[in-house]
């Protein structure tokens, strides 16, 4: 399965004003704010999301349409994905369903946190930007 969309929920979001986010914006088009059915945790100065079975668990983010798939090599490296990083990698890129603000459901790439979360701080609002950037 493949997707032309990427859902971002942390430092790659538009309002985070991060260097890698600015690189993403050059290779993609903002589509909509969106949510992902998952839980959000504070890892360090950045968040990690994991899928959740609970419908009330929601992660806020932005969806982009990727114009140049070559951006994924830079984003994967930024997210610590690859054999040069600790195994298992801290994140994994997977396709998940996300819901756009108009209610449309799409399949999108998302970087999911791949390490244990038991000792991490949950971000119950599901919005890293509201809690740590703004």
N, C-alpha and C. Protein backbone atom coordinates (compact mmCIF):
# COMPACT_ATOMS: atom_id res chain seq x y z
N UNK A 1 0.84 -1.18 0.00
CA UNK A 1 0.00 0.00 0.00
C UNK A 1 0.89 1.24 0.00
N UNK A 2 0.42 2.27 -0.64
CA UNK A 2 1.17 3.51 -0.71
C UNK A 2 0.19 4.66 -0.53
N UNK A 3 0.71 5.82 -0.22
CA UNK A 3 -0.13 7.00 -0.06
C UNK A 3 0.65 8.22 -0.50
N UNK A 4 -0.08 9.19 -1.02
CA UNK A 4 0.55 10.45 -1.40
C UNK A 4 0.45 11.46 -0.27
N UNK A 5 -0.15 11.06 0.86
CA UNK A 5 -0.38 11.96 1.99
C UNK A 5 0.53 11.64 3.16
N UNK A 6 0.82 12.67 3.96
CA UNK A 6 1.60 12.52 5.18
C UNK A 6 0.89 13.31 6.28
N UNK A 7 0.62 12.63 7.41
CA UNK A 7 0.04 13.25 8.59
C UNK A 7 1.17 13.53 9.56
N UNK A 8 1.31 14.78 10.00
CA UNK A 8 2.36 15.15 10.96
C UNK A 8 1.71 15.76 12.19
N UNK A 9 2.31 15.51 13.36
CA UNK A 9 1.67 15.93 14.61
C UNK A 9 2.63 16.62 15.58
N UNK A 10 3.86 16.81 15.20
CA UNK A 10 4.84 17.40 16.11
C UNK A 10 5.62 18.53 15.47
N UNK A 11 6.93 18.37 15.45
CA UNK A 11 7.82 19.42 14.95
C UNK A 11 7.69 19.69 13.45
N UNK A 12 7.03 18.80 12.72
CA UNK A 12 6.84 19.01 11.28
C UNK A 12 5.55 19.78 10.96
N UNK A 13 4.75 20.08 11.97
CA UNK A 13 3.52 20.84 11.73
C UNK A 13 3.85 22.28 11.34
N UNK A 14 2.92 22.90 10.65
CA UNK A 14 3.13 24.27 10.15
C UNK A 14 3.47 25.24 11.27
N UNK A 15 2.76 25.20 12.38
CA UNK A 15 2.96 26.18 13.44
C UNK A 15 4.20 25.92 14.28
N UNK A 16 4.86 24.79 14.10
CA UNK A 16 6.07 24.49 14.87
C UNK A 16 7.26 25.30 14.36
N UNK A 17 7.22 25.72 13.09
CA UNK A 17 8.28 26.52 12.50
C UNK A 17 9.66 25.87 12.69
N UNK A 18 9.74 24.58 12.40
CA UNK A 18 10.99 23.84 12.51
C UNK A 18 11.67 23.74 11.14
N UNK A 19 12.97 23.67 11.14
CA UNK A 19 13.75 23.58 9.90
C UNK A 19 13.29 22.43 9.01
N UNK A 20 13.05 21.25 9.57
CA UNK A 20 12.61 20.11 8.76
C UNK A 20 11.20 20.32 8.25
N UNK A 21 10.38 21.01 9.02
CA UNK A 21 9.04 21.34 8.54
C UNK A 21 9.11 22.24 7.32
N UNK A 22 10.00 23.18 7.35
CA UNK A 22 10.16 24.08 6.19
C UNK A 22 10.62 23.30 4.97
N UNK A 23 11.46 22.29 5.15
CA UNK A 23 11.88 21.42 4.04
C UNK A 23 10.67 20.64 3.51
N UNK A 24 9.84 20.14 4.41
CA UNK A 24 8.63 19.42 4.00
C UNK A 24 7.73 20.33 3.17
N UNK A 25 7.56 21.57 3.58
CA UNK A 25 6.66 22.49 2.89
C UNK A 25 7.09 22.72 1.43
N UNK A 26 8.38 22.60 1.15
CA UNK A 26 8.88 22.79 -0.21
C UNK A 26 8.55 21.59 -1.10
N UNK A 27 8.31 20.42 -0.49
CA UNK A 27 8.05 19.19 -1.25
C UNK A 27 6.62 18.71 -1.12
N UNK A 28 5.76 19.53 -0.54
CA UNK A 28 4.40 19.09 -0.27
C UNK A 28 3.45 20.28 -0.26
N UNK A 29 2.17 19.94 -0.30
CA UNK A 29 1.11 20.95 -0.26
C UNK A 29 0.24 20.67 0.96
N UNK A 30 0.01 21.69 1.77
CA UNK A 30 -0.88 21.53 2.92
C UNK A 30 -2.28 21.25 2.41
N UNK A 31 -2.92 20.20 2.98
CA UNK A 31 -4.28 19.83 2.58
C UNK A 31 -5.30 20.26 3.63
N UNK A 32 -5.04 19.88 4.91
CA UNK A 32 -6.04 20.14 5.94
C UNK A 32 -5.47 19.81 7.31
N UNK A 33 -6.05 20.42 8.33
CA UNK A 33 -5.83 19.91 9.68
C UNK A 33 -6.56 18.58 9.73
N UNK A 34 -6.13 17.70 10.64
CA UNK A 34 -6.72 16.36 10.70
C UNK A 34 -6.49 15.77 12.08
N UNK A 35 -7.13 14.62 12.32
CA UNK A 35 -6.92 13.87 13.55
C UNK A 35 -6.62 12.42 13.22
N UNK A 36 -5.92 11.79 14.14
CA UNK A 36 -5.56 10.38 14.05
C UNK A 36 -6.02 9.72 15.35
N UNK A 37 -6.61 8.55 15.26
CA UNK A 37 -7.08 7.85 16.45
C UNK A 37 -5.88 7.21 17.14
N UNK A 38 -5.33 7.95 18.09
CA UNK A 38 -4.14 7.49 18.78
C UNK A 38 -3.92 8.25 20.07
N UNK A 39 -2.82 7.91 20.71
CA UNK A 39 -2.40 8.58 21.95
C UNK A 39 -1.08 9.29 21.68
N UNK A 40 -0.93 10.45 22.31
CA UNK A 40 0.26 11.27 22.11
C UNK A 40 1.05 11.32 23.42
N UNK A 41 2.37 11.22 23.30
CA UNK A 41 3.26 11.25 24.46
C UNK A 41 4.38 12.25 24.21
N UNK A 42 4.87 12.83 25.31
CA UNK A 42 6.05 13.69 25.24
C UNK A 42 7.27 12.79 25.39
N UNK A 43 8.14 12.81 24.40
CA UNK A 43 9.34 11.96 24.41
C UNK A 43 10.48 12.72 25.06
N UNK A 44 10.77 13.88 24.56
CA UNK A 44 11.81 14.77 25.07
C UNK A 44 11.27 16.16 24.79
N UNK A 45 11.84 16.84 23.81
CA UNK A 45 11.29 18.12 23.36
C UNK A 45 10.41 17.91 22.12
N UNK A 46 10.01 16.68 21.89
CA UNK A 46 9.20 16.31 20.73
C UNK A 46 8.22 15.21 21.14
N UNK A 47 7.15 15.02 20.35
CA UNK A 47 6.14 14.02 20.71
C UNK A 47 6.29 12.70 19.95
N UNK A 48 5.55 11.72 20.42
CA UNK A 48 5.42 10.44 19.73
C UNK A 48 3.98 9.99 19.82
N UNK A 49 3.45 9.46 18.74
CA UNK A 49 2.06 8.98 18.71
C UNK A 49 2.05 7.48 18.49
N UNK A 50 1.07 6.84 19.12
CA UNK A 50 0.83 5.42 18.90
C UNK A 50 -0.66 5.23 18.59
N UNK A 51 -1.01 4.21 17.83
CA UNK A 51 -2.43 3.96 17.56
C UNK A 51 -3.18 3.58 18.84
N UNK A 52 -4.48 3.82 18.85
CA UNK A 52 -5.32 3.47 19.99
C UNK A 52 -6.62 2.86 19.49
N UNK A 53 -7.15 1.94 20.26
CA UNK A 53 -8.45 1.34 19.96
C UNK A 53 -9.59 2.21 20.47
N UNK A 54 -9.29 3.13 21.41
CA UNK A 54 -10.33 3.97 22.00
C UNK A 54 -10.70 5.12 21.06
N UNK A 55 -11.97 5.22 20.72
CA UNK A 55 -12.42 6.27 19.82
C UNK A 55 -12.21 7.66 20.40
N UNK A 56 -12.15 7.77 21.70
CA UNK A 56 -11.97 9.08 22.34
C UNK A 56 -10.52 9.55 22.30
N UNK A 57 -9.58 8.67 21.97
CA UNK A 57 -8.17 9.07 21.85
C UNK A 57 -7.94 9.70 20.49
N UNK A 58 -7.39 10.91 20.50
CA UNK A 58 -7.22 11.63 19.24
C UNK A 58 -5.93 12.45 19.26
N UNK A 59 -5.21 12.40 18.16
CA UNK A 59 -3.99 13.18 17.97
C UNK A 59 -4.28 14.21 16.87
N UNK A 60 -4.00 15.48 17.16
CA UNK A 60 -4.20 16.56 16.18
C UNK A 60 -2.95 16.75 15.34
N UNK A 61 -3.18 17.05 14.07
CA UNK A 61 -2.03 17.28 13.19
C UNK A 61 -2.44 17.93 11.89
N UNK A 62 -1.51 17.89 10.95
CA UNK A 62 -1.70 18.46 9.61
C UNK A 62 -1.46 17.38 8.57
N UNK A 63 -2.21 17.44 7.49
CA UNK A 63 -2.00 16.51 6.37
C UNK A 63 -1.44 17.28 5.18
N UNK A 64 -0.42 16.70 4.59
CA UNK A 64 0.22 17.25 3.39
C UNK A 64 0.13 16.25 2.26
N UNK A 65 -0.01 16.76 1.04
CA UNK A 65 0.11 15.93 -0.16
C UNK A 65 1.58 16.04 -0.60
N UNK A 66 2.24 14.91 -0.65
CA UNK A 66 3.66 14.87 -1.00
C UNK A 66 3.81 14.94 -2.52
N UNK A 67 4.58 15.89 -3.00
CA UNK A 67 4.82 16.04 -4.43
C UNK A 67 6.09 15.32 -4.88
N UNK A 68 7.05 15.19 -3.98
CA UNK A 68 8.32 14.55 -4.32
C UNK A 68 8.60 13.48 -3.27
N UNK A 69 8.42 12.22 -3.62
CA UNK A 69 8.59 11.14 -2.64
C UNK A 69 10.02 11.05 -2.11
N UNK A 70 10.96 11.69 -2.78
CA UNK A 70 12.34 11.68 -2.30
C UNK A 70 12.46 12.35 -0.93
N UNK A 71 11.47 13.17 -0.54
CA UNK A 71 11.50 13.82 0.77
C UNK A 71 11.50 12.80 1.90
N UNK A 72 10.94 11.59 1.63
CA UNK A 72 10.87 10.59 2.69
C UNK A 72 12.24 10.14 3.18
N UNK A 73 13.25 10.16 2.34
CA UNK A 73 14.58 9.78 2.83
C UNK A 73 15.07 10.79 3.87
N UNK A 74 14.82 12.08 3.64
CA UNK A 74 15.20 13.10 4.63
C UNK A 74 14.35 13.00 5.89
N UNK A 75 13.05 12.80 5.72
CA UNK A 75 12.15 12.70 6.87
C UNK A 75 12.44 11.44 7.69
N UNK A 76 12.70 10.32 7.02
CA UNK A 76 13.04 9.08 7.73
C UNK A 76 14.30 9.29 8.57
N UNK A 77 15.28 9.93 8.01
CA UNK A 77 16.52 10.20 8.75
C UNK A 77 16.23 11.11 9.96
N UNK A 78 15.42 12.14 9.75
CA UNK A 78 15.03 13.05 10.83
C UNK A 78 14.33 12.29 11.95
N UNK A 79 13.50 11.31 11.59
CA UNK A 79 12.74 10.54 12.57
C UNK A 79 13.53 9.34 13.12
N UNK A 80 14.78 9.20 12.70
CA UNK A 80 15.63 8.14 13.24
C UNK A 80 15.33 6.76 12.67
N UNK A 81 14.91 6.72 11.43
CA UNK A 81 14.59 5.45 10.79
C UNK A 81 15.73 5.06 9.86
N UNK A 82 16.24 3.86 10.05
CA UNK A 82 17.30 3.34 9.19
C UNK A 82 18.28 2.51 10.00
N UNK A 83 19.11 1.77 9.30
CA UNK A 83 20.05 0.85 9.96
C UNK A 83 21.14 1.59 10.74
N UNK A 84 21.36 2.87 10.46
CA UNK A 84 22.38 3.64 11.17
C UNK A 84 21.91 4.09 12.55
N UNK A 85 20.64 3.85 12.87
CA UNK A 85 20.06 4.24 14.16
C UNK A 85 19.83 3.01 15.03
N UNK A 86 19.54 3.26 16.32
CA UNK A 86 19.26 2.17 17.26
C UNK A 86 18.15 1.28 16.72
N UNK A 87 18.34 -0.02 16.90
CA UNK A 87 17.34 -1.00 16.48
C UNK A 87 16.68 -1.55 17.74
N UNK A 88 15.37 -1.56 17.86
CA UNK A 88 14.44 -1.05 16.86
C UNK A 88 14.49 0.48 16.80
N UNK A 89 14.21 1.00 15.60
CA UNK A 89 14.20 2.45 15.43
C UNK A 89 13.16 3.09 16.34
N UNK A 90 13.42 4.35 16.71
CA UNK A 90 12.51 5.07 17.60
C UNK A 90 11.12 5.26 16.98
N UNK A 91 11.08 5.45 15.68
CA UNK A 91 9.83 5.62 14.95
C UNK A 91 9.77 4.63 13.81
N UNK A 92 8.56 4.41 13.34
CA UNK A 92 8.34 3.64 12.12
C UNK A 92 7.32 4.40 11.29
N UNK A 93 7.48 4.35 10.00
CA UNK A 93 6.53 5.03 9.10
C UNK A 93 5.51 4.01 8.65
N UNK A 94 4.23 4.33 8.85
CA UNK A 94 3.15 3.41 8.52
C UNK A 94 1.98 4.18 7.91
N UNK A 95 1.12 3.47 7.23
CA UNK A 95 -0.08 4.08 6.67
C UNK A 95 -1.23 3.82 7.63
N UNK A 96 -1.91 4.90 8.00
CA UNK A 96 -3.04 4.84 8.93
C UNK A 96 -4.16 5.73 8.40
N UNK A 97 -5.36 5.50 8.91
CA UNK A 97 -6.48 6.35 8.54
C UNK A 97 -6.46 7.62 9.38
N UNK A 98 -6.67 8.75 8.74
CA UNK A 98 -6.81 10.02 9.43
C UNK A 98 -8.10 10.68 8.95
N UNK A 99 -8.62 11.58 9.78
CA UNK A 99 -9.88 12.25 9.46
C UNK A 99 -9.60 13.74 9.27
N UNK A 100 -9.93 14.26 8.09
CA UNK A 100 -9.76 15.68 7.79
C UNK A 100 -10.84 16.49 8.49
N UNK A 101 -10.65 17.80 8.55
CA UNK A 101 -11.62 18.65 9.25
C UNK A 101 -13.01 18.61 8.61
N UNK A 102 -13.10 18.29 7.32
CA UNK A 102 -14.41 18.19 6.68
C UNK A 102 -15.06 16.82 6.90
N UNK A 103 -14.40 15.95 7.67
CA UNK A 103 -14.95 14.63 7.97
C UNK A 103 -14.49 13.53 7.03
N UNK A 104 -13.83 13.90 5.94
CA UNK A 104 -13.34 12.89 4.99
C UNK A 104 -12.25 12.04 5.65
N UNK A 105 -12.27 10.75 5.38
CA UNK A 105 -11.25 9.83 5.89
C UNK A 105 -10.33 9.45 4.75
N UNK A 106 -9.02 9.54 5.03
CA UNK A 106 -8.03 9.18 4.01
C UNK A 106 -6.96 8.30 4.65
N UNK A 107 -6.25 7.58 3.81
CA UNK A 107 -5.09 6.81 4.25
C UNK A 107 -3.86 7.69 4.07
N UNK A 108 -3.05 7.76 5.10
CA UNK A 108 -1.91 8.67 5.11
C UNK A 108 -0.72 8.03 5.80
N UNK A 109 0.47 8.40 5.34
CA UNK A 109 1.66 8.03 6.08
C UNK A 109 1.67 8.79 7.40
N UNK A 110 2.21 8.16 8.43
CA UNK A 110 2.40 8.80 9.73
C UNK A 110 3.63 8.16 10.37
N UNK A 111 4.37 8.95 11.12
CA UNK A 111 5.50 8.42 11.88
C UNK A 111 5.00 8.03 13.26
N UNK A 112 4.96 6.74 13.54
CA UNK A 112 4.47 6.22 14.82
C UNK A 112 5.64 5.94 15.74
N UNK A 113 5.47 6.25 17.01
CA UNK A 113 6.50 5.98 18.01
C UNK A 113 6.62 4.47 18.16
N UNK A 114 7.84 3.97 18.25
CA UNK A 114 8.10 2.54 18.16
C UNK A 114 8.76 1.96 19.41
N UNK A 115 8.90 2.74 20.47
CA UNK A 115 9.51 2.26 21.71
C UNK A 115 8.44 2.24 22.81
N UNK A 116 8.73 1.60 23.95
CA UNK A 116 7.74 1.55 25.05
C UNK A 116 7.35 2.95 25.53
N UNK A 117 6.09 3.08 25.93
CA UNK A 117 5.57 4.39 26.36
C UNK A 117 5.24 4.44 27.85
N UNK A 118 5.42 3.35 28.57
CA UNK A 118 5.00 3.28 29.97
C UNK A 118 5.58 4.40 30.84
N UNK A 119 6.79 4.81 30.60
CA UNK A 119 7.46 5.83 31.42
C UNK A 119 7.31 7.25 30.87
N UNK A 120 6.58 7.39 29.76
CA UNK A 120 6.46 8.69 29.10
C UNK A 120 5.26 9.48 29.63
N UNK A 121 5.33 10.80 29.43
CA UNK A 121 4.24 11.70 29.85
C UNK A 121 3.19 11.74 28.75
N UNK A 122 1.93 11.35 29.05
CA UNK A 122 0.89 11.44 28.03
C UNK A 122 0.46 12.90 27.84
N UNK A 123 0.21 13.26 26.61
CA UNK A 123 -0.33 14.59 26.28
C UNK A 123 -1.82 14.39 26.00
N UNK A 124 -2.63 14.52 27.04
CA UNK A 124 -4.04 14.18 26.95
C UNK A 124 -4.82 15.04 25.96
N UNK A 125 -4.35 16.24 25.70
CA UNK A 125 -5.05 17.10 24.73
C UNK A 125 -4.90 16.56 23.31
N UNK A 126 -3.84 15.75 23.08
CA UNK A 126 -3.59 15.24 21.74
C UNK A 126 -3.00 16.28 20.80
N UNK A 127 -2.60 17.42 21.36
CA UNK A 127 -2.11 18.51 20.50
C UNK A 127 -0.78 19.05 21.04
N UNK A 128 0.31 18.61 20.43
CA UNK A 128 1.64 19.03 20.83
C UNK A 128 1.83 20.53 20.67
N UNK A 129 1.30 21.11 19.60
CA UNK A 129 1.46 22.55 19.34
C UNK A 129 0.83 23.37 20.46
N UNK A 130 -0.40 23.04 20.84
CA UNK A 130 -1.09 23.80 21.90
C UNK A 130 -0.38 23.68 23.24
N UNK A 131 0.20 22.52 23.52
CA UNK A 131 0.82 22.31 24.83
C UNK A 131 2.26 22.80 24.91
N UNK A 132 2.99 22.77 23.78
CA UNK A 132 4.43 23.05 23.88
C UNK A 132 4.97 24.12 22.93
N UNK A 133 4.25 24.48 21.90
CA UNK A 133 4.80 25.45 20.95
C UNK A 133 4.17 26.82 21.13
N UNK A 134 2.85 26.88 21.22
CA UNK A 134 2.15 28.17 21.30
C UNK A 134 2.08 28.63 22.73
